[in-house]
Amino acid sequence: MIEDSNRGPTFTREDVVAELNKQGVQVAMGEECAKPQPINMTGFEDLPSYGEREIEELIEEAIEYAAGPTITDSFLRHEARREWRHEMGKRFGHAFTKFYSHNRLRGNKIYSLRLGFQQTERELDQRKIETPEAGRLRQALRQFPDVSKYPEMSTQEKVATAQKIAEACKSLVSLFAE
């Protein structure tokens, strides 16, 4: 915790993780995944500029997902978790909100990423881009696991699915670093 005389205490990510651990909430940190510099778009020359931007945004979202923590708790009802998150947000402010928003198990995060993977594949198909690089990209995009029953999955199944998604994300990112 850092004291700021004007605003009160400012909490760090480490403070948040320590408090979560104290409360019995499990936190497994994700893996850092560097953004390719520059992003190699060889084989995608037929994509319009907005398609290249969408791929770049998907890469950024994939990097963020892979680096995010997996946070598991013992709440049986989502409403109880929502109340707890609200209280934690009041206690730890932006440090908690930001950290928790990157949780790999958050459905909104997963569905947003899935949509990006699907839209990218659809764009390749509509533009009839059939380069070897596009073939490798399609393979990486298809690694995204089925999440149609995600809300009904057990915590263990969700954690395993999140790990598969993180692997798909890392595969996607690595394609554009070559």
Foldseek 3Di string as FASTA:
>chain_A
DDQDPVPGDADALVNVVVVCVVVVKDKDFFDQADFAVVFACPLVVLAPPVLVVLLSVLLVLLRLQRGAIAIGDDDPDVVVVVVVLVVVCVVNNPNSVVNVVSHLLDPVSLVVSLVSLVVNLVSCVVSVRDGVLNVQSVVLSVQQDDCPVVVVDDSVVSVVNSVSSSVSSNSSSVSRND
